[in-house]
Amino acid sequence: MPYSLRAWVQLPSQFTLAAKETKTLSIPIVVPASGEPGGHYGVIRFTGAVPGASGSVVSLSQASDLDLATSFGHIQERASLDDFYSTTPQFAPKSFFQNGPIAS
């Protein structure tokens, strides 16, 4: 995946939280010299398990964090828009609306 942060993230080792405990984590993102410039993304996901539990238990299934990063370097970004409009219920293009709903 060319835009992934996966190889750049240094994940923490396993840790245990007590009931109602919180923990702040610093998770370094280290861009290698060969890292491609531009936007990159990743999700850091934590899953929970009850230590030493057996049988039926209720526990946290997961928590996630979406990370977006920009790596600097020479990059050319370009975009163009040929047309932009919404439509009437009969699917005719229209650019002025006084009230909703507006079809997409």
N, C-alpha and C. Protein backbone atom coordinates (compact mmCIF):
# COMPACT_ATOMS: atom_id res chain seq x y z
N MET A 1 0.84 -1.17 0.00
CA MET A 1 0.00 0.00 0.00
C MET A 1 0.89 1.25 0.00
N PRO A 2 0.88 1.99 -1.07
CA PRO A 2 1.82 3.10 -1.21
C PRO A 2 1.56 4.27 -0.26
N TYR A 3 0.36 4.41 0.29
CA TYR A 3 0.05 5.56 1.14
C TYR A 3 -0.11 5.17 2.61
N SER A 4 0.32 3.98 2.97
CA SER A 4 0.15 3.48 4.33
C SER A 4 1.25 3.97 5.26
N LEU A 5 0.89 4.20 6.52
CA LEU A 5 1.84 4.56 7.57
C LEU A 5 2.37 3.33 8.31
N ARG A 6 1.88 2.16 7.97
CA ARG A 6 2.14 0.95 8.75
C ARG A 6 3.62 0.73 9.07
N ALA A 7 4.48 0.83 8.08
CA ALA A 7 5.90 0.56 8.30
C ALA A 7 6.59 1.71 9.05
N TRP A 8 5.95 2.86 9.17
CA TRP A 8 6.56 4.02 9.81
C TRP A 8 6.21 4.14 11.29
N VAL A 9 5.22 3.37 11.74
CA VAL A 9 4.72 3.49 13.11
C VAL A 9 5.46 2.54 14.04
N GLN A 10 5.88 3.05 15.19
CA GLN A 10 6.53 2.22 16.20
C GLN A 10 5.50 1.93 17.29
N LEU A 11 4.91 0.75 17.22
CA LEU A 11 3.83 0.38 18.13
C LEU A 11 4.35 0.10 19.54
N PRO A 12 3.55 0.42 20.55
CA PRO A 12 3.96 0.13 21.93
C PRO A 12 3.81 -1.36 22.21
N SER A 13 4.48 -1.81 23.26
CA SER A 13 4.31 -3.21 23.67
C SER A 13 2.96 -3.35 24.36
N GLN A 14 2.58 -4.58 24.65
CA GLN A 14 1.31 -4.83 25.33
C GLN A 14 1.30 -4.16 26.69
N PHE A 15 0.13 -3.75 27.12
CA PHE A 15 -0.01 -3.15 28.44
C PHE A 15 -1.36 -3.53 29.01
N THR A 16 -1.49 -3.41 30.32
CA THR A 16 -2.73 -3.75 31.01
C THR A 16 -3.28 -2.51 31.69
N LEU A 17 -4.58 -2.32 31.59
CA LEU A 17 -5.26 -1.23 32.26
C LEU A 17 -6.16 -1.79 33.34
N ALA A 18 -6.16 -1.15 34.49
CA ALA A 18 -7.09 -1.52 35.55
C ALA A 18 -8.46 -0.93 35.22
N ALA A 19 -9.48 -1.35 35.93
CA ALA A 19 -10.82 -0.81 35.72
C ALA A 19 -10.79 0.71 35.88
N LYS A 20 -11.38 1.42 34.94
CA LYS A 20 -11.49 2.89 34.91
C LYS A 20 -10.15 3.60 34.79
N GLU A 21 -9.10 2.89 34.49
CA GLU A 21 -7.78 3.50 34.31
C GLU A 21 -7.65 4.05 32.90
N THR A 22 -6.94 5.15 32.75
CA THR A 22 -6.64 5.70 31.43
C THR A 22 -5.13 5.72 31.24
N LYS A 23 -4.73 5.78 30.00
CA LYS A 23 -3.29 5.80 29.71
C LYS A 23 -3.09 6.65 28.47
N THR A 24 -2.10 7.52 28.52
CA THR A 24 -1.72 8.33 27.37
C THR A 24 -0.52 7.67 26.72
N LEU A 25 -0.61 7.45 25.42
CA LEU A 25 0.47 6.81 24.68
C LEU A 25 1.07 7.78 23.68
N SER A 26 2.37 7.76 23.58
CA SER A 26 3.07 8.47 22.51
C SER A 26 3.51 7.41 21.52
N ILE A 27 3.01 7.51 20.31
CA ILE A 27 3.33 6.51 19.29
C ILE A 27 4.08 7.23 18.17
N PRO A 28 5.41 7.04 18.13
CA PRO A 28 6.21 7.74 17.11
C PRO A 28 5.91 7.27 15.69
N ILE A 29 5.91 8.22 14.78
CA ILE A 29 5.84 7.93 13.35
C ILE A 29 7.17 8.39 12.77
N VAL A 30 7.98 7.45 12.33
CA VAL A 30 9.33 7.74 11.85
C VAL A 30 9.35 7.54 10.33
N VAL A 31 9.53 8.64 9.61
CA VAL A 31 9.55 8.58 8.15
C VAL A 31 10.96 8.21 7.70
N PRO A 32 11.12 7.11 6.99
CA PRO A 32 12.46 6.73 6.51
C PRO A 32 12.93 7.67 5.40
N ALA A 33 14.22 7.68 5.15
CA ALA A 33 14.78 8.53 4.09
C ALA A 33 14.15 8.21 2.74
N SER A 34 13.74 6.96 2.56
CA SER A 34 13.13 6.55 1.29
C SER A 34 11.62 6.76 1.27
N GLY A 35 11.07 7.39 2.32
CA GLY A 35 9.62 7.60 2.40
C GLY A 35 9.12 8.51 1.29
N GLU A 36 8.05 8.08 0.65
CA GLU A 36 7.46 8.86 -0.44
C GLU A 36 6.83 10.14 0.11
N PRO A 37 7.04 11.29 -0.54
CA PRO A 37 6.39 12.52 -0.09
C PRO A 37 4.89 12.47 -0.38
N GLY A 38 4.13 13.26 0.36
CA GLY A 38 2.69 13.33 0.15
C GLY A 38 1.92 12.83 1.35
N GLY A 39 0.63 12.61 1.16
CA GLY A 39 -0.25 12.19 2.24
C GLY A 39 -0.19 10.69 2.48
N HIS A 40 -0.23 10.31 3.74
CA HIS A 40 -0.21 8.91 4.15
C HIS A 40 -1.24 8.72 5.26
N TYR A 41 -1.72 7.51 5.44
CA TYR A 41 -2.77 7.26 6.41
C TYR A 41 -2.54 5.96 7.15
N GLY A 42 -3.22 5.83 8.25
CA GLY A 42 -3.17 4.59 9.01
C GLY A 42 -4.19 4.62 10.13
N VAL A 43 -4.48 3.47 10.66
CA VAL A 43 -5.37 3.33 11.81
C VAL A 43 -4.63 2.54 12.86
N ILE A 44 -4.57 3.09 14.07
CA ILE A 44 -3.98 2.37 15.18
C ILE A 44 -5.15 1.82 15.98
N ARG A 45 -5.24 0.50 16.06
CA ARG A 45 -6.38 -0.15 16.69
C ARG A 45 -5.93 -0.93 17.91
N PHE A 46 -6.63 -0.72 18.99
CA PHE A 46 -6.37 -1.45 20.22
C PHE A 46 -7.50 -2.44 20.44
N THR A 47 -7.17 -3.65 20.79
CA THR A 47 -8.18 -4.64 21.14
C THR A 47 -7.99 -5.00 22.60
N GLY A 48 -9.08 -5.33 23.23
CA GLY A 48 -9.02 -5.63 24.65
C GLY A 48 -9.29 -7.09 24.93
N ALA A 49 -8.72 -7.56 25.99
CA ALA A 49 -8.96 -8.91 26.48
C ALA A 49 -8.88 -8.87 27.99
N VAL A 50 -9.73 -9.61 28.65
CA VAL A 50 -9.71 -9.66 30.10
C VAL A 50 -8.64 -10.66 30.53
N PRO A 51 -7.60 -10.20 31.25
CA PRO A 51 -6.52 -11.11 31.65
C PRO A 51 -7.04 -12.24 32.55
N GLY A 52 -6.69 -13.46 32.20
CA GLY A 52 -7.05 -14.62 33.01
C GLY A 52 -8.52 -14.98 33.02
N ALA A 53 -9.33 -14.38 32.15
CA ALA A 53 -10.77 -14.65 32.16
C ALA A 53 -11.09 -15.92 31.40
N SER A 54 -12.08 -16.62 31.90
CA SER A 54 -12.60 -17.79 31.18
C SER A 54 -14.11 -17.75 31.30
N GLY A 55 -14.78 -18.34 30.35
CA GLY A 55 -16.24 -18.30 30.37
C GLY A 55 -16.76 -17.03 29.74
N SER A 56 -17.96 -16.65 30.12
CA SER A 56 -18.61 -15.47 29.55
C SER A 56 -18.20 -14.21 30.32
N VAL A 57 -17.63 -13.26 29.61
CA VAL A 57 -17.26 -11.97 30.21
C VAL A 57 -17.63 -10.86 29.23
N VAL A 58 -17.78 -9.67 29.74
CA VAL A 58 -18.02 -8.50 28.90
C VAL A 58 -16.73 -7.69 28.91
N SER A 59 -16.24 -7.33 27.74
CA SER A 59 -15.00 -6.56 27.67
C SER A 59 -15.02 -5.64 26.47
N LEU A 60 -14.08 -4.73 26.44
CA LEU A 60 -13.91 -3.81 25.32
C LEU A 60 -13.47 -4.60 24.10
N SER A 61 -14.13 -4.38 22.98
CA SER A 61 -13.74 -5.12 21.78
C SER A 61 -12.63 -4.40 21.03
N GLN A 62 -12.72 -3.08 20.91
CA GLN A 62 -11.62 -2.36 20.24
C GLN A 62 -11.80 -0.86 20.38
N ALA A 63 -10.71 -0.16 20.23
CA ALA A 63 -10.70 1.29 20.14
C ALA A 63 -9.75 1.63 19.01
N SER A 64 -10.06 2.65 18.24
CA SER A 64 -9.25 2.98 17.06
C SER A 64 -8.90 4.46 17.02
N ASP A 65 -7.86 4.75 16.30
CA ASP A 65 -7.41 6.11 16.08
C ASP A 65 -7.01 6.24 14.62
N LEU A 66 -7.63 7.15 13.89
CA LEU A 66 -7.30 7.39 12.48
C LEU A 66 -6.19 8.42 12.42
N ASP A 67 -5.11 8.10 11.73
CA ASP A 67 -3.95 8.98 11.64
C ASP A 67 -3.69 9.38 10.19
N LEU A 68 -3.53 10.67 9.98
CA LEU A 68 -3.19 11.20 8.66
C LEU A 68 -1.90 11.99 8.81
N ALA A 69 -0.97 11.78 7.89
CA ALA A 69 0.32 12.47 7.97
C ALA A 69 0.73 12.92 6.58
N THR A 70 1.50 14.00 6.53
CA THR A 70 2.06 14.49 5.28
C THR A 70 3.56 14.42 5.38
N SER A 71 4.17 13.73 4.43
CA SER A 71 5.62 13.63 4.36
C SER A 71 6.09 14.67 3.35
N PHE A 72 7.04 15.50 3.75
CA PHE A 72 7.49 16.59 2.89
C PHE A 72 8.46 16.09 1.82
N GLY A 73 8.53 16.79 0.75
CA GLY A 73 9.40 16.46 -0.37
C GLY A 73 8.79 17.01 -1.64
N HIS A 74 9.43 16.75 -2.75
CA HIS A 74 8.93 17.24 -4.03
C HIS A 74 7.73 16.40 -4.46
N ILE A 75 6.61 17.07 -4.61
CA ILE A 75 5.40 16.38 -5.05
C ILE A 75 4.57 17.37 -5.84
N GLN A 76 3.92 16.89 -6.86
CA GLN A 76 3.05 17.73 -7.66
C GLN A 76 1.63 17.22 -7.46
N GLU A 77 0.77 18.08 -6.92
CA GLU A 77 -0.63 17.73 -6.72
C GLU A 77 -1.46 18.56 -7.68
N ARG A 78 -2.39 17.90 -8.32
CA ARG A 78 -3.20 18.55 -9.33
C ARG A 78 -4.61 18.03 -9.25
N ALA A 79 -5.57 18.89 -9.44
CA ALA A 79 -6.97 18.47 -9.49
C ALA A 79 -7.71 19.38 -10.46
N SER A 80 -8.74 18.84 -11.04
CA SER A 80 -9.59 19.66 -11.90
C SER A 80 -11.03 19.22 -11.71
N LEU A 81 -11.94 20.12 -12.00
CA LEU A 81 -13.35 19.84 -11.85
C LEU A 81 -14.01 20.23 -13.16
N ASP A 82 -14.57 19.26 -13.83
CA ASP A 82 -15.23 19.52 -15.10
C ASP A 82 -16.63 20.07 -14.92
N ASP A 83 -17.33 19.57 -13.90
CA ASP A 83 -18.71 19.98 -13.70
C ASP A 83 -19.10 19.69 -12.27
N PHE A 84 -20.01 20.47 -11.74
CA PHE A 84 -20.49 20.27 -10.39
C PHE A 84 -21.92 20.76 -10.32
N TYR A 85 -22.84 19.87 -10.01
CA TYR A 85 -24.24 20.27 -9.88
C TYR A 85 -25.01 19.19 -9.14
N SER A 86 -26.19 19.55 -8.69
CA SER A 86 -27.11 18.58 -8.14
C SER A 86 -28.25 18.47 -9.15
N THR A 87 -29.19 17.62 -8.87
CA THR A 87 -30.26 17.41 -9.85
C THR A 87 -31.62 17.62 -9.21
N THR A 88 -32.58 17.86 -10.06
CA THR A 88 -33.97 17.92 -9.62
C THR A 88 -34.47 16.48 -9.50
N PRO A 89 -35.64 16.27 -8.90
CA PRO A 89 -36.15 14.89 -8.83
C PRO A 89 -36.30 14.21 -10.19
N GLN A 90 -36.37 15.00 -11.26
CA GLN A 90 -36.46 14.42 -12.61
C GLN A 90 -35.07 14.25 -13.23
N PHE A 91 -34.01 14.45 -12.43
CA PHE A 91 -32.61 14.27 -12.83
C PHE A 91 -32.09 15.31 -13.81
N ALA A 92 -32.73 16.49 -13.89
CA ALA A 92 -32.22 17.57 -14.72
C ALA A 92 -31.21 18.36 -13.90
N PRO A 93 -30.06 18.72 -14.49
CA PRO A 93 -29.08 19.52 -13.75
C PRO A 93 -29.66 20.87 -13.33
N LYS A 94 -29.33 21.29 -12.11
CA LYS A 94 -29.85 22.55 -11.61
C LYS A 94 -28.79 23.13 -10.69
N SER A 95 -28.60 24.45 -10.73
CA SER A 95 -27.58 25.06 -9.90
C SER A 95 -28.13 26.00 -8.83
N PHE A 96 -29.43 26.24 -8.78
CA PHE A 96 -30.00 27.12 -7.77
C PHE A 96 -31.15 26.41 -7.08
N PHE A 97 -31.12 26.37 -5.73
CA PHE A 97 -32.17 25.73 -4.96
C PHE A 97 -32.62 26.69 -3.87
N GLN A 98 -33.91 26.81 -3.68
CA GLN A 98 -34.43 27.68 -2.62
C GLN A 98 -34.71 26.91 -1.34
N ASN A 99 -34.98 25.62 -1.44
CA ASN A 99 -35.22 24.80 -0.26
C ASN A 99 -34.91 23.34 -0.57
N GLY A 100 -34.83 22.54 0.45
CA GLY A 100 -34.48 21.12 0.31
C GLY A 100 -35.70 20.25 0.19
N PRO A 101 -35.55 18.99 0.08
CA PRO A 101 -34.24 18.32 0.03
C PRO A 101 -33.61 18.43 -1.35
N ILE A 102 -32.29 18.36 -1.38
CA ILE A 102 -31.53 18.41 -2.63
C ILE A 102 -31.08 17.00 -2.95
N ALA A 103 -31.42 16.52 -4.12
CA ALA A 103 -31.01 15.18 -4.54
C ALA A 103 -29.52 15.18 -4.82
N SER A 104 -28.91 14.05 -4.58
CA SER A 104 -27.46 13.97 -4.87
C SER A 104 -27.22 13.15 -6.10
